[in-house]
Amino acid sequence: AEDHFYKDILGFHLYWQGGMQPGSTDWVAMQVPDGTDWLEYMLNVKAIPDLHTTGVMNHISLGVRDMKAAQAKLEAHGWKP
């Protein structure tokens, strides 16, 4: 579902992917279609994660050249840190 949203709807392309074991894909990074920014999301989080999973694998991350500018843009659209 995540790939469909980011690839087909938003036009992102695969930047890289990785996994806990060789040959498995547990996380994916998708790059914006018209720049260098990217985001990473996890695919291996259980519906009810344990404490370890919550602290490590339950996240989404942004890769940007200027984090302060990204934060300001998010805050301008209502995000609260």
N, C-alpha and C. Protein backbone atom coordinates (compact mmCIF):
# COMPACT_ATOMS: atom_id res chain seq x y z
N ALA A 1 0.82 -1.20 0.00
CA ALA A 1 0.00 0.00 0.00
C ALA A 1 0.86 1.26 0.00
N GLU A 2 1.96 1.24 0.78
CA GLU A 2 2.83 2.41 0.84
C GLU A 2 3.47 2.68 -0.52
N ASP A 3 3.96 1.62 -1.18
CA ASP A 3 4.59 1.81 -2.48
C ASP A 3 3.62 2.43 -3.47
N HIS A 4 2.39 1.96 -3.49
CA HIS A 4 1.38 2.50 -4.41
C HIS A 4 1.18 3.99 -4.15
N PHE A 5 1.04 4.37 -2.90
CA PHE A 5 0.82 5.78 -2.56
C PHE A 5 1.99 6.64 -3.02
N TYR A 6 3.20 6.28 -2.61
CA TYR A 6 4.35 7.12 -2.92
C TYR A 6 4.75 7.06 -4.39
N LYS A 7 4.71 5.89 -5.01
CA LYS A 7 5.12 5.75 -6.42
C LYS A 7 4.04 6.22 -7.38
N ASP A 8 2.87 5.62 -7.28
CA ASP A 8 1.84 5.83 -8.29
C ASP A 8 1.07 7.14 -8.11
N ILE A 9 0.85 7.55 -6.88
CA ILE A 9 0.07 8.76 -6.64
C ILE A 9 0.96 10.00 -6.57
N LEU A 10 2.06 9.92 -5.82
CA LEU A 10 2.93 11.08 -5.64
C LEU A 10 4.11 11.14 -6.61
N GLY A 11 4.40 10.06 -7.31
CA GLY A 11 5.47 10.06 -8.30
C GLY A 11 6.87 9.86 -7.75
N PHE A 12 6.99 9.43 -6.50
CA PHE A 12 8.30 9.14 -5.91
C PHE A 12 8.93 7.94 -6.63
N HIS A 13 10.25 7.79 -6.53
CA HIS A 13 10.91 6.60 -7.06
C HIS A 13 11.79 5.98 -5.96
N LEU A 14 12.07 4.71 -6.13
CA LEU A 14 12.86 3.98 -5.13
C LEU A 14 14.26 4.58 -5.04
N TYR A 15 14.66 4.93 -3.84
CA TYR A 15 16.00 5.46 -3.57
C TYR A 15 16.90 4.33 -3.08
N TRP A 16 16.42 3.55 -2.12
CA TRP A 16 17.10 2.34 -1.67
C TRP A 16 16.16 1.56 -0.78
N GLN A 17 16.54 0.33 -0.51
CA GLN A 17 15.76 -0.52 0.40
C GLN A 17 16.72 -1.45 1.12
N GLY A 18 16.29 -1.96 2.25
CA GLY A 18 17.15 -2.85 3.02
C GLY A 18 16.35 -3.74 3.93
N GLY A 19 17.07 -4.63 4.59
CA GLY A 19 16.39 -5.55 5.48
C GLY A 19 17.30 -6.07 6.57
N MET A 20 16.66 -6.69 7.54
CA MET A 20 17.38 -7.26 8.67
C MET A 20 18.18 -8.50 8.24
N GLN A 21 17.70 -9.19 7.22
CA GLN A 21 18.35 -10.39 6.71
C GLN A 21 18.61 -10.22 5.21
N PRO A 22 19.64 -10.85 4.67
CA PRO A 22 19.89 -10.79 3.23
C PRO A 22 18.65 -11.26 2.46
N GLY A 23 18.29 -10.51 1.43
CA GLY A 23 17.17 -10.88 0.59
C GLY A 23 15.81 -10.45 1.10
N SER A 24 15.74 -9.83 2.28
CA SER A 24 14.45 -9.36 2.78
C SER A 24 14.39 -7.84 2.70
N THR A 25 13.20 -7.32 2.54
CA THR A 25 13.00 -5.87 2.51
C THR A 25 12.16 -5.49 3.72
N ASP A 26 12.79 -4.81 4.66
CA ASP A 26 12.11 -4.37 5.88
C ASP A 26 11.89 -2.87 5.91
N TRP A 27 12.65 -2.12 5.13
CA TRP A 27 12.47 -0.69 5.06
C TRP A 27 12.74 -0.23 3.64
N VAL A 28 12.12 0.88 3.28
CA VAL A 28 12.21 1.41 1.92
C VAL A 28 12.42 2.91 2.01
N ALA A 29 13.26 3.44 1.15
CA ALA A 29 13.44 4.88 1.04
C ALA A 29 12.97 5.29 -0.36
N MET A 30 12.08 6.27 -0.41
CA MET A 30 11.54 6.76 -1.67
C MET A 30 11.95 8.22 -1.84
N GLN A 31 12.41 8.56 -3.05
CA GLN A 31 12.89 9.91 -3.32
C GLN A 31 11.82 10.70 -4.08
N VAL A 32 11.72 11.99 -3.75
CA VAL A 32 10.76 12.86 -4.41
C VAL A 32 11.07 12.89 -5.91
N PRO A 33 10.06 13.11 -6.75
CA PRO A 33 10.29 13.06 -8.19
C PRO A 33 11.12 14.21 -8.74
N ASP A 34 11.16 15.34 -8.04
CA ASP A 34 11.81 16.52 -8.61
C ASP A 34 12.87 17.13 -7.69
N GLY A 35 13.56 16.29 -6.93
CA GLY A 35 14.57 16.83 -6.02
C GLY A 35 15.39 15.73 -5.39
N THR A 36 16.06 16.08 -4.31
CA THR A 36 16.94 15.12 -3.64
C THR A 36 16.39 14.63 -2.31
N ASP A 37 15.29 15.19 -1.85
CA ASP A 37 14.71 14.77 -0.57
C ASP A 37 14.13 13.36 -0.69
N TRP A 38 14.12 12.66 0.42
CA TRP A 38 13.58 11.30 0.43
C TRP A 38 12.98 11.01 1.79
N LEU A 39 12.19 9.96 1.85
CA LEU A 39 11.67 9.50 3.13
C LEU A 39 11.83 8.00 3.22
N GLU A 40 11.96 7.54 4.44
CA GLU A 40 12.13 6.11 4.72
C GLU A 40 10.96 5.66 5.57
N TYR A 41 10.42 4.49 5.24
CA TYR A 41 9.37 3.92 6.07
C TYR A 41 9.62 2.44 6.26
N MET A 42 9.11 1.94 7.36
CA MET A 42 9.30 0.55 7.76
C MET A 42 8.16 -0.33 7.26
N LEU A 43 8.49 -1.54 6.88
CA LEU A 43 7.49 -2.50 6.41
C LEU A 43 7.29 -3.66 7.37
N ASN A 44 8.12 -3.77 8.38
CA ASN A 44 8.11 -4.96 9.23
C ASN A 44 7.58 -4.72 10.64
N VAL A 45 6.77 -3.69 10.83
CA VAL A 45 6.23 -3.40 12.15
C VAL A 45 4.93 -4.18 12.34
N LYS A 46 4.86 -4.93 13.42
CA LYS A 46 3.66 -5.71 13.71
C LYS A 46 2.51 -4.79 14.11
N ALA A 47 1.28 -5.31 13.98
CA ALA A 47 0.10 -4.52 14.35
C ALA A 47 0.16 -4.08 15.81
N ILE A 48 0.67 -4.94 16.67
CA ILE A 48 0.87 -4.59 18.08
C ILE A 48 2.36 -4.79 18.37
N PRO A 49 3.16 -3.73 18.18
CA PRO A 49 4.61 -3.88 18.35
C PRO A 49 5.02 -4.02 19.81
N ASP A 50 6.13 -4.74 20.02
CA ASP A 50 6.68 -4.82 21.37
C ASP A 50 7.51 -3.56 21.65
N LEU A 51 8.00 -3.41 22.86
CA LEU A 51 8.74 -2.21 23.24
C LEU A 51 9.98 -1.99 22.38
N HIS A 52 10.71 -3.05 22.08
CA HIS A 52 11.91 -2.92 21.25
C HIS A 52 11.54 -2.39 19.86
N THR A 53 10.53 -2.98 19.26
CA THR A 53 10.10 -2.55 17.93
C THR A 53 9.65 -1.10 17.95
N THR A 54 8.89 -0.72 18.96
CA THR A 54 8.40 0.65 19.06
C THR A 54 9.56 1.63 19.12
N GLY A 55 10.62 1.28 19.81
CA GLY A 55 11.75 2.18 19.94
C GLY A 55 12.71 2.20 18.77
N VAL A 56 12.60 1.23 17.87
CA VAL A 56 13.57 1.12 16.78
C VAL A 56 12.92 1.15 15.40
N MET A 57 11.98 0.28 15.16
CA MET A 57 11.44 0.09 13.81
C MET A 57 10.16 0.88 13.52
N ASN A 58 9.53 1.45 14.52
CA ASN A 58 8.26 2.14 14.32
C ASN A 58 8.53 3.62 14.10
N HIS A 59 8.95 3.96 12.88
CA HIS A 59 9.23 5.36 12.58
C HIS A 59 9.14 5.63 11.08
N ILE A 60 9.16 6.87 10.76
CA ILE A 60 9.31 7.34 9.39
C ILE A 60 10.40 8.41 9.47
N SER A 61 11.27 8.47 8.49
CA SER A 61 12.34 9.47 8.55
C SER A 61 12.39 10.26 7.26
N LEU A 62 12.86 11.49 7.36
CA LEU A 62 13.03 12.36 6.21
C LEU A 62 14.52 12.55 5.95
N GLY A 63 14.89 12.56 4.70
CA GLY A 63 16.25 12.89 4.31
C GLY A 63 16.19 14.17 3.49
N VAL A 64 16.70 15.24 4.04
CA VAL A 64 16.65 16.55 3.38
C VAL A 64 18.01 17.23 3.50
N ARG A 65 18.25 18.18 2.62
CA ARG A 65 19.51 18.93 2.68
C ARG A 65 19.51 19.93 3.83
N ASP A 66 18.34 20.48 4.16
CA ASP A 66 18.25 21.52 5.18
C ASP A 66 17.11 21.19 6.14
N MET A 67 17.44 20.60 7.28
CA MET A 67 16.41 20.16 8.23
C MET A 67 15.64 21.33 8.82
N LYS A 68 16.32 22.45 9.08
CA LYS A 68 15.62 23.62 9.63
C LYS A 68 14.56 24.13 8.65
N ALA A 69 14.88 24.15 7.36
CA ALA A 69 13.91 24.59 6.35
C ALA A 69 12.75 23.60 6.26
N ALA A 70 13.05 22.31 6.34
CA ALA A 70 11.99 21.30 6.31
C ALA A 70 11.09 21.43 7.53
N GLN A 71 11.68 21.66 8.69
CA GLN A 71 10.89 21.84 9.92
C GLN A 71 9.99 23.07 9.79
N ALA A 72 10.52 24.17 9.28
CA ALA A 72 9.73 25.39 9.13
C ALA A 72 8.55 25.16 8.18
N LYS A 73 8.79 24.43 7.11
CA LYS A 73 7.72 24.15 6.15
C LYS A 73 6.63 23.28 6.79
N LEU A 74 7.04 22.25 7.53
CA LEU A 74 6.08 21.40 8.21
C LEU A 74 5.27 22.19 9.24
N GLU A 75 5.94 23.04 10.01
CA GLU A 75 5.26 23.85 11.01
C GLU A 75 4.29 24.83 10.36
N ALA A 76 4.66 25.37 9.19
CA ALA A 76 3.77 26.29 8.47
C ALA A 76 2.49 25.60 8.02
N HIS A 77 2.55 24.27 7.92
CA HIS A 77 1.38 23.49 7.53
C HIS A 77 0.71 22.80 8.71
N GLY A 78 1.02 23.26 9.94
CA GLY A 78 0.31 22.77 11.11
C GLY A 78 0.98 21.70 11.94
N TRP A 79 2.17 21.23 11.53
CA TRP A 79 2.86 20.19 12.31
C TRP A 79 3.42 20.81 13.58
N LYS A 80 3.31 20.08 14.68
CA LYS A 80 3.85 20.55 15.96
C LYS A 80 4.87 19.54 16.46
N PRO A 81 6.11 20.00 16.72
CA PRO A 81 7.15 19.07 17.19
C PRO A 81 6.88 18.57 18.60
